[in-house]
């Protein structure tokens, strides 16, 4: 029974993600997508601490889709390092999703895996993220030209 519930939750999350896919082309669109990724990632962390694995599965699917959506931005702006960071992050997310697909979830392995996802995200953030005067995250000025 639990397996059906989990499978249903994953299928629902995947269908919502596919419908929500978007082509990110502007810094404003990237900002919007990345803010969504940030919120979903916070929920992943919070849900892991309370063993709410269905929520973790749903939110990491949203994180993955946001990272995937952002890939087009980096391709259009010919940022090879960001494309590499993006692909590495997607691979780390895929590894995490495989770990949390089982029941029961190995919490220690999941925690190590989500840390690896965060480290992968940080590579791009260090190169391309800055804060504005109001302490909001923005695309680092001058990082894409024009």
C-alpha atoms as a PDB file:
ATOM      1  CA  UNK A   1       0.000   0.000   0.000  1.00  0.00           C
ATOM      2  CA  UNK A   2       2.777   2.414   0.942  1.00  0.00           C
ATOM      3  CA  UNK A   3       4.542   1.691  -2.325  1.00  0.00           C
ATOM      4  CA  UNK A   4       1.435   2.691  -4.269  1.00  0.00           C
ATOM      5  CA  UNK A   5       1.150   5.926  -2.307  1.00  0.00           C
ATOM      6  CA  UNK A   6       4.810   6.755  -2.950  1.00  0.00           C
ATOM      7  CA  UNK A   7       4.533   5.808  -6.606  1.00  0.00           C
ATOM      8  CA  UNK A   8       1.425   7.984  -6.908  1.00  0.00           C
ATOM      9  CA  UNK A   9       3.162  10.912  -5.237  1.00  0.00           C
ATOM     10  CA  UNK A  10       6.162  10.578  -7.517  1.00  0.00           C
ATOM     11  CA  UNK A  11       3.977  10.292 -10.613  1.00  0.00           C
ATOM     12  CA  UNK A  12       1.973  13.352  -9.551  1.00  0.00           C
ATOM     13  CA  UNK A  13       5.146  15.344  -8.899  1.00  0.00           C
ATOM     14  CA  UNK A  14       6.642  14.294 -12.211  1.00  0.00           C
ATOM     15  CA  UNK A  15       3.515  15.242 -14.151  1.00  0.00           C
ATOM     16  CA  UNK A  16       3.399  18.626 -12.426  1.00  0.00           C
ATOM     17  CA  UNK A  17       7.058  19.146 -13.226  1.00  0.00           C
ATOM     18  CA  UNK A  18       6.631  18.254 -16.899  1.00  0.00           C
ATOM     19  CA  UNK A  19       3.667  20.600 -17.237  1.00  0.00           C
ATOM     20  CA  UNK A  20       5.612  23.336 -15.443  1.00  0.00           C
ATOM     21  CA  UNK A  21       8.710  23.078 -17.628  1.00  0.00           C
ATOM     22  CA  UNK A  22       9.760  26.386 -19.091  1.00  0.00           C
ATOM     23  CA  UNK A  23      12.422  27.771 -21.348  1.00  0.00           C
ATOM     24  CA  UNK A  24      14.515  30.184 -19.282  1.00  0.00           C
ATOM     25  CA  UNK A  25      16.152  32.829 -21.454  1.00  0.00           C
ATOM     26  CA  UNK A  26      16.409  36.038 -19.404  1.00  0.00           C
ATOM     27  CA  UNK A  27      18.077  36.892 -16.101  1.00  0.00           C
ATOM     28  CA  UNK A  28      14.605  37.660 -14.695  1.00  0.00           C
ATOM     29  CA  UNK A  29      13.321  34.218 -15.643  1.00  0.00           C
ATOM     30  CA  UNK A  30      16.451  32.628 -14.200  1.00  0.00           C
ATOM     31  CA  UNK A  31      15.937  34.555 -10.961  1.00  0.00           C
ATOM     32  CA  UNK A  32      12.332  33.368 -10.708  1.00  0.00           C
ATOM     33  CA  UNK A  33      13.228  29.736 -11.383  1.00  0.00           C
ATOM     34  CA  UNK A  34      16.163  29.760  -8.972  1.00  0.00           C
ATOM     35  CA  UNK A  35      14.060  31.316  -6.201  1.00  0.00           C
ATOM     36  CA  UNK A  36      11.613  28.447  -6.694  1.00  0.00           C
ATOM     37  CA  UNK A  37      14.501  25.990  -6.496  1.00  0.00           C
ATOM     38  CA  UNK A  38      15.648  27.612  -3.270  1.00  0.00           C
ATOM     39  CA  UNK A  39      12.222  27.315  -1.646  1.00  0.00           C
ATOM     40  CA  UNK A  40      11.820  23.708  -2.746  1.00  0.00           C
ATOM     41  CA  UNK A  41      15.307  22.890  -1.485  1.00  0.00           C
ATOM     42  CA  UNK A  42      14.509  24.398   1.918  1.00  0.00           C
ATOM     43  CA  UNK A  43      11.423  22.188   2.069  1.00  0.00           C
ATOM     44  CA  UNK A  44      13.548  19.140   1.175  1.00  0.00           C
ATOM     45  CA  UNK A  45      15.842  19.829   4.117  1.00  0.00           C
ATOM     46  CA  UNK A  46      12.988  20.500   6.526  1.00  0.00           C
ATOM     47  CA  UNK A  47      11.036  17.440   5.369  1.00  0.00           C
ATOM     48  CA  UNK A  48      14.089  15.193   5.712  1.00  0.00           C
ATOM     49  CA  UNK A  49      14.477  16.220   9.348  1.00  0.00           C
ATOM     50  CA  UNK A  50      10.912  15.058  10.039  1.00  0.00           C
ATOM     51  CA  UNK A  51      11.153  11.923   7.843  1.00  0.00           C
ATOM     52  CA  UNK A  52       8.415  13.238   5.539  1.00  0.00           C
ATOM     53  CA  UNK A  53       9.799  11.342   2.549  1.00  0.00           C
ATOM     54  CA  UNK A  54       6.794  11.848   0.283  1.00  0.00           C
ATOM     55  CA  UNK A  55       7.322  15.606   0.639  1.00  0.00           C
ATOM     56  CA  UNK A  56      11.060  15.201   0.049  1.00  0.00           C
ATOM     57  CA  UNK A  57      10.368  13.266  -3.146  1.00  0.00           C
ATOM     58  CA  UNK A  58       7.927  15.877  -4.409  1.00  0.00           C
ATOM     59  CA  UNK A  59      10.145  18.849  -3.603  1.00  0.00           C
ATOM     60  CA  UNK A  60      13.364  17.353  -4.970  1.00  0.00           C
ATOM     61  CA  UNK A  61      11.494  16.763  -8.238  1.00  0.00           C
ATOM     62  CA  UNK A  62      10.727  20.506  -8.266  1.00  0.00           C
ATOM     63  CA  UNK A  63      14.385  21.290  -7.525  1.00  0.00           C
ATOM     64  CA  UNK A  64      15.475  19.045 -10.377  1.00  0.00           C
ATOM     65  CA  UNK A  65      13.046  20.627 -12.806  1.00  0.00           C
ATOM     66  CA  UNK A  66      14.192  24.131 -11.881  1.00  0.00           C
ATOM     67  CA  UNK A  67      17.832  23.202 -12.407  1.00  0.00           C
ATOM     68  CA  UNK A  68      16.915  21.561 -15.702  1.00  0.00           C
ATOM     69  CA  UNK A  69      14.909  24.628 -16.762  1.00  0.00           C
ATOM     70  CA  UNK A  70      17.875  26.885 -15.986  1.00  0.00           C
ATOM     71  CA  UNK A  71      20.136  24.866 -18.288  1.00  0.00           C
ATOM     72  CA  UNK A  72      18.756  26.615 -21.375  1.00  0.00           C
ATOM     73  CA  UNK A  73      19.828  29.997 -19.978  1.00  0.00           C
ATOM     74  CA  UNK A  74      23.442  28.883 -19.687  1.00  0.00           C
ATOM     75  CA  UNK A  75      23.405  27.265 -23.118  1.00  0.00           C
ATOM     76  CA  UNK A  76      22.038  30.438 -24.747  1.00  0.00           C
ATOM     77  CA  UNK A  77      24.688  32.537 -23.022  1.00  0.00           C
ATOM     78  CA  UNK A  78      27.440  30.067 -23.942  1.00  0.00           C
ATOM     79  CA  UNK A  79      28.658  29.600 -20.375  1.00  0.00           C
ATOM     80  CA  UNK A  80      30.418  26.238 -20.593  1.00  0.00           C
ATOM     81  CA  UNK A  81      31.357  26.170 -16.915  1.00  0.00           C
ATOM     82  CA  UNK A  82      27.757  26.824 -15.841  1.00  0.00           C
ATOM     83  CA  UNK A  83      26.512  24.124 -18.234  1.00  0.00           C
ATOM     84  CA  UNK A  84      28.993  21.720 -16.628  1.00  0.00           C
ATOM     85  CA  UNK A  85      27.893  22.752 -13.104  1.00  0.00           C
ATOM     86  CA  UNK A  86      24.265  22.310 -14.150  1.00  0.00           C
ATOM     87  CA  UNK A  87      24.813  18.797 -15.516  1.00  0.00           C
ATOM     88  CA  UNK A  88      26.799  17.784 -12.436  1.00  0.00           C
ATOM     89  CA  UNK A  89      24.033  19.064 -10.187  1.00  0.00           C
ATOM     90  CA  UNK A  90      21.389  17.142 -12.142  1.00  0.00           C
ATOM     91  CA  UNK A  91      23.472  13.977 -11.741  1.00  0.00           C
ATOM     92  CA  UNK A  92      23.762  14.549  -7.967  1.00  0.00           C
ATOM     93  CA  UNK A  93      20.003  15.136  -7.739  1.00  0.00           C
ATOM     94  CA  UNK A  94      19.393  11.914  -9.684  1.00  0.00           C
ATOM     95  CA  UNK A  95      21.628  10.048  -7.217  1.00  0.00           C
ATOM     96  CA  UNK A  96      19.671  11.540  -4.317  1.00  0.00           C
ATOM     97  CA  UNK A  97      16.340  10.625  -5.907  1.00  0.00           C
ATOM     98  CA  UNK A  98      17.477   6.999  -6.266  1.00  0.00           C
ATOM     99  CA  UNK A  99      18.421   6.890  -2.581  1.00  0.00           C
ATOM    100  CA  UNK A 100      15.094   8.262  -1.378  1.00  0.00           C
ATOM    101  CA  UNK A 101      13.010   6.064  -3.678  1.00  0.00           C
ATOM    102  CA  UNK A 102      13.401   3.099  -1.331  1.00  0.00           C
ATOM    103  CA  UNK A 103      11.387   2.438   1.785  1.00  0.00           C
ATOM    104  CA  UNK A 104      12.771   2.728   4.361  1.00  0.00           C
ATOM    105  CA  UNK A 105      15.142   5.498   3.386  1.00  0.00           C
ATOM    106  CA  UNK A 106      18.715   5.297   4.649  1.00  0.00           C
ATOM    107  CA  UNK A 107      18.799   8.681   6.410  1.00  0.00           C
ATOM    108  CA  UNK A 108      22.584   8.881   6.707  1.00  0.00           C
ATOM    109  CA  UNK A 109      23.066   8.119   3.007  1.00  0.00           C
ATOM    110  CA  UNK A 110      20.324  10.611   2.074  1.00  0.00           C
ATOM    111  CA  UNK A 111      21.917  13.326   4.214  1.00  0.00           C
ATOM    112  CA  UNK A 112      25.320  12.741   2.597  1.00  0.00           C
ATOM    113  CA  UNK A 113      23.737  12.770  -0.851  1.00  0.00           C
ATOM    114  CA  UNK A 114      21.807  16.016  -0.321  1.00  0.00           C
ATOM    115  CA  UNK A 115      25.051  17.580   0.931  1.00  0.00           C
ATOM    116  CA  UNK A 116      26.656  16.585  -2.376  1.00  0.00           C
ATOM    117  CA  UNK A 117      23.751  18.241  -4.214  1.00  0.00           C
ATOM    118  CA  UNK A 118      24.333  21.432  -2.225  1.00  0.00           C
ATOM    119  CA  UNK A 119      28.068  21.385  -2.913  1.00  0.00           C
ATOM    120  CA  UNK A 120      27.367  21.020  -6.618  1.00  0.00           C
ATOM    121  CA  UNK A 121      24.918  23.936  -6.557  1.00  0.00           C
ATOM    122  CA  UNK A 122      27.472  26.082  -4.736  1.00  0.00           C
ATOM    123  CA  UNK A 123      29.939  25.816  -7.623  1.00  0.00           C
ATOM    124  CA  UNK A 124      27.600  27.776  -9.881  1.00  0.00           C
ATOM    125  CA  UNK A 125      26.503  30.109  -7.094  1.00  0.00           C
ATOM    126  CA  UNK A 126      30.100  31.071  -6.364  1.00  0.00           C
ATOM    127  CA  UNK A 127      30.708  31.912 -10.006  1.00  0.00           C
ATOM    128  CA  UNK A 128      27.385  33.529 -10.918  1.00  0.00           C
ATOM    129  CA  UNK A 129      25.464  34.643  -7.851  1.00  0.00           C
ATOM    130  CA  UNK A 130      25.728  37.919  -5.962  1.00  0.00           C
ATOM    131  CA  UNK A 131      23.484  39.980  -3.694  1.00  0.00           C
ATOM    132  CA  UNK A 132      21.917  43.341  -4.421  1.00  0.00           C
ATOM    133  CA  UNK A 133      21.643  46.357  -2.089  1.00  0.00           C
ATOM    134  CA  UNK A 134      18.622  44.749  -0.399  1.00  0.00           C
ATOM    135  CA  UNK A 135      20.531  41.498   0.204  1.00  0.00           C
ATOM    136  CA  UNK A 136      18.511  39.597  -2.425  1.00  0.00           C
ATOM    137  CA  UNK A 137      20.292  37.039  -4.563  1.00  0.00           C
ATOM    138  CA  UNK A 138      20.875  38.138  -8.153  1.00  0.00           C
ATOM    139  CA  UNK A 139      22.869  37.085 -11.185  1.00  0.00           C
ATOM    140  CA  UNK A 140      26.361  38.506 -10.751  1.00  0.00           C
ATOM    141  CA  UNK A 141      26.578  41.730 -12.809  1.00  0.00           C
ATOM    142  CA  UNK A 142      28.611  41.348 -15.974  1.00  0.00           C
ATOM    143  CA  UNK A 143      28.627  37.560 -15.817  1.00  0.00           C
ATOM    144  CA  UNK A 144      26.725  37.100 -19.073  1.00  0.00           C
ATOM    145  CA  UNK A 145      27.790  40.215 -20.937  1.00  0.00           C
ATOM    146  CA  UNK A 146      25.521  42.730 -22.659  1.00  0.00           C
END
